[in-house]
Amino acid sequence: MAANVGVDYMINESWFLNASAWYANIETEATYKYKGAAQKTDVKINPWVFMIS
């Protein structure tokens, strides 16, 4: 799942303000070897990203 929201605000004829936020729900499975044995683990990354310009 991913979502974003943002707003633009016109300050005057030459300038505006922009603000945005993004969210991503990332779930996956990682496999690797440790001391010769196969390992598997769940990986969950849920970043928020913010921007003001």
C-alpha atoms as a PDB file:
ATOM      1  CA  MET A   1       0.000   0.000   0.000  1.00  0.00           C
ATOM      2  CA  ALA A   2       1.193   3.519  -0.733  1.00  0.00           C
ATOM      3  CA  ALA A   3      -0.395   6.915  -0.206  1.00  0.00           C
ATOM      4  CA  ASN A   4       0.465  10.546  -0.710  1.00  0.00           C
ATOM      5  CA  VAL A   5      -1.069  13.884   0.150  1.00  0.00           C
ATOM      6  CA  GLY A   6      -0.048  17.410  -0.708  1.00  0.00           C
ATOM      7  CA  VAL A   7      -1.106  21.020  -0.818  1.00  0.00           C
ATOM      8  CA  ASP A   8      -0.097  24.058  -2.877  1.00  0.00           C
ATOM      9  CA  TYR A   9      -0.635  27.582  -1.525  1.00  0.00           C
ATOM     10  CA  MET A  10      -0.189  30.659  -3.715  1.00  0.00           C
ATOM     11  CA  ILE A  11       1.512  33.363  -1.610  1.00  0.00           C
ATOM     12  CA  ASN A  12       1.439  35.992  -4.369  1.00  0.00           C
ATOM     13  CA  GLU A  13       1.744  36.093  -8.172  1.00  0.00           C
ATOM     14  CA  SER A  14       5.425  35.066  -8.043  1.00  0.00           C
ATOM     15  CA  TRP A  15       5.635  32.702  -5.052  1.00  0.00           C
ATOM     16  CA  PHE A  16       3.848  29.599  -3.828  1.00  0.00           C
ATOM     17  CA  LEU A  17       4.357  27.087  -1.034  1.00  0.00           C
ATOM     18  CA  ASN A  18       4.160  23.329  -1.563  1.00  0.00           C
ATOM     19  CA  ALA A  19       3.963  20.650   1.136  1.00  0.00           C
ATOM     20  CA  SER A  20       3.708  16.903   0.553  1.00  0.00           C
ATOM     21  CA  ALA A  21       3.841  13.650   2.507  1.00  0.00           C
ATOM     22  CA  TRP A  22       4.277  10.094   1.234  1.00  0.00           C
ATOM     23  CA  TYR A  23       3.824   6.758   3.018  1.00  0.00           C
ATOM     24  CA  ALA A  24       4.677   3.280   1.747  1.00  0.00           C
ATOM     25  CA  ASN A  25       3.943  -0.021   3.469  1.00  0.00           C
ATOM     26  CA  ILE A  26       6.596  -2.445   2.199  1.00  0.00           C
ATOM     27  CA  GLU A  27       6.668  -6.061   3.376  1.00  0.00           C
ATOM     28  CA  THR A  28       8.903  -8.727   1.876  1.00  0.00           C
ATOM     29  CA  GLU A  29      10.901 -11.802   2.804  1.00  0.00           C
ATOM     30  CA  ALA A  30      14.694 -11.975   2.814  1.00  0.00           C
ATOM     31  CA  THR A  31      16.656 -15.190   2.391  1.00  0.00           C
ATOM     32  CA  TYR A  32      20.361 -15.531   3.119  1.00  0.00           C
ATOM     33  CA  LYS A  33      22.985 -17.983   4.356  1.00  0.00           C
ATOM     34  CA  TYR A  34      24.559 -17.748   7.813  1.00  0.00           C
ATOM     35  CA  LYS A  35      27.333 -20.189   8.698  1.00  0.00           C
ATOM     36  CA  GLY A  36      26.291 -22.283   5.702  1.00  0.00           C
ATOM     37  CA  ALA A  37      22.654 -22.628   6.776  1.00  0.00           C
ATOM     38  CA  ALA A  38      19.820 -21.042   4.817  1.00  0.00           C
ATOM     39  CA  GLN A  39      17.945 -18.393   6.809  1.00  0.00           C
ATOM     40  CA  LYS A  40      14.686 -16.601   6.102  1.00  0.00           C
ATOM     41  CA  THR A  41      13.255 -13.502   7.775  1.00  0.00           C
ATOM     42  CA  ASP A  42      10.373 -11.093   7.240  1.00  0.00           C
ATOM     43  CA  VAL A  43      11.340  -7.526   6.389  1.00  0.00           C
ATOM     44  CA  LYS A  44       8.938  -4.644   7.038  1.00  0.00           C
ATOM     45  CA  ILE A  45       9.819  -1.123   5.932  1.00  0.00           C
ATOM     46  CA  ASN A  46       7.213   1.592   6.464  1.00  0.00           C
ATOM     47  CA  PRO A  47       8.822   4.920   5.541  1.00  0.00           C
ATOM     48  CA  TRP A  48       7.247   8.353   5.772  1.00  0.00           C
ATOM     49  CA  VAL A  49       8.709  11.040   3.490  1.00  0.00           C
ATOM     50  CA  PHE A  50       7.961  14.760   3.990  1.00  0.00           C
ATOM     51  CA  MET A  51       8.743  17.682   1.699  1.00  0.00           C
ATOM     52  CA  ILE A  52       8.223  21.427   1.995  1.00  0.00           C
ATOM     53  CA  SER A  53       9.247  23.686  -0.854  1.00  0.00           C
END
